[in-house]
Protein backbone atom coordinates (compact mmCIF):
# COMPACT_ATOMS: atom_id res chain seq x y z
CA MET A 1 111.57 92.67 77.76
CA LEU A 2 113.58 95.71 76.68
CA HIS A 3 115.16 93.68 73.88
CA HIS A 4 111.72 92.72 72.59
CA LEU A 5 110.47 96.31 72.81
CA VAL A 6 113.54 97.56 70.93
CA GLN A 7 112.95 94.99 68.18
CA LEU A 8 109.31 96.05 67.81
CA ALA A 9 110.18 99.76 67.87
CA ASP A 10 112.90 99.23 65.26
CA VAL A 11 110.52 97.42 62.91
CA ALA A 12 107.96 100.21 63.38
CA SER A 13 110.65 102.88 62.83
CA VAL A 14 109.90 104.58 66.15
CA MET A 15 113.18 104.05 68.02
CA ASP A 16 113.49 107.83 68.35
CA ARG A 17 110.45 107.74 70.67
CA VAL A 18 111.68 104.97 73.01
CA GLN A 19 112.93 105.86 76.48
CA VAL A 20 113.68 103.65 79.48
CA VAL A 21 112.02 104.59 82.79
CA HIS A 22 112.91 102.76 85.99
CA CYS A 23 110.52 103.21 88.92
CA ASP A 24 112.73 102.81 91.97
CA LEU A 25 111.15 100.77 94.78
CA GLY A 26 113.49 102.16 97.43
CA ASP A 27 114.83 99.95 100.23
CA VAL A 28 113.11 96.80 98.91
CA GLU A 29 114.99 96.92 95.62
CA TRP A 30 117.92 94.57 95.03
CA PRO A 31 121.32 96.28 95.17
CA GLY A 32 122.51 97.14 91.67
CA THR A 33 119.06 97.18 90.07
CA VAL A 34 119.24 100.82 88.97
CA GLU A 35 122.74 100.28 87.57
CA LEU A 36 121.58 97.20 85.64
CA ALA A 37 118.62 99.08 84.16
CA ALA A 38 120.93 101.96 83.18
CA ALA A 39 123.38 99.54 81.55
CA GLN A 40 120.58 97.94 79.55
CA ALA A 41 119.41 101.34 78.33
CA ARG A 42 123.00 102.27 77.39
CA HIS A 43 123.36 98.99 75.49
CA TYR A 44 120.53 100.07 73.18
CA GLY A 45 121.54 103.74 73.17
CA LEU A 46 118.31 104.79 74.87
CA PRO A 47 117.66 107.67 77.27
CA PHE A 48 117.37 106.44 80.86
CA HIS A 49 115.28 107.98 83.64
CA VAL A 50 114.78 106.99 87.27
CA ARG A 51 111.57 107.91 89.07
CA ARG A 52 111.11 107.88 92.84
CA ARG A 53 108.07 108.70 94.95
CA THR A 54 108.53 111.88 96.92
CA GLN A 55 106.20 110.39 99.57
CA GLY A 56 108.49 107.43 100.31
CA ASP A 57 109.29 104.03 98.88
CA LEU A 58 107.16 100.91 98.35
CA LEU A 59 107.22 99.88 102.00
CA THR A 60 106.20 103.38 103.07
CA GLN A 61 103.24 103.25 100.68
CA ILE A 62 102.14 99.85 101.98
CA THR A 63 102.44 100.97 105.60
CA GLU A 64 100.46 104.15 104.92
CA ARG A 65 97.76 102.28 103.00
CA HIS A 66 97.47 99.75 105.84
CA ARG A 67 97.07 102.58 108.36
CA LYS A 68 94.37 104.29 106.26
CA LEU A 69 92.44 101.05 105.69
CA ARG A 70 92.45 100.18 109.38
CA ALA A 71 91.49 103.75 110.37
CA ARG A 72 88.29 103.40 108.37
CA GLY A 73 87.61 99.98 109.86
CA ASP A 74 88.60 97.92 106.83
CA THR A 75 90.34 94.79 108.08
CA THR A 76 89.92 92.67 104.93
CA THR A 77 91.41 94.74 102.10
CA PRO A 78 95.12 94.01 101.72
CA ALA A 79 97.48 96.97 101.88
CA TRP A 80 99.72 95.48 99.20
CA PRO A 81 99.45 97.07 95.72
CA SER A 82 96.80 95.55 93.46
CA ALA A 83 94.98 96.33 90.22
CA GLY A 84 92.92 98.88 92.15
CA ALA A 85 95.79 100.37 94.16
CA ARG A 86 98.84 100.34 91.93
CA TYR A 87 102.27 101.45 93.00
CA CYS A 88 103.22 102.38 89.42
CA THR A 89 100.29 104.82 89.16
CA VAL A 90 101.32 106.45 92.43
CA ILE A 91 104.84 106.89 91.06
CA LYS A 92 103.53 108.38 87.84
CA ASN A 93 101.33 110.84 89.68
CA GLY A 94 103.59 111.76 92.59
CA ALA A 95 107.21 111.15 91.74
CA ARG A 96 110.26 113.08 90.81
CA SER A 97 112.77 112.25 88.15
CA VAL A 98 116.30 111.76 89.38
CA SER A 99 118.03 111.06 86.09
């Protein structure tokens, strides 16, 4: 995906505006994922940033959402992220950069 984005940005002459942002999932992420993302950014000479939720990782978010749903009596809505409850939006709105 990054390769394709770099090709499109190069054709559009906007490479100076491209940055790589990795949203860290915490304990559920495969070992070495952050390092791989950083290596890919380096390969293209792009700035690399890691974002992490200050409120906890993906599993923490799911657990908290499950608790809140059940507390209001909702036993049918899944706690897993969806189009209406996105993990990436939570990171964007409540995360810190660690790069």
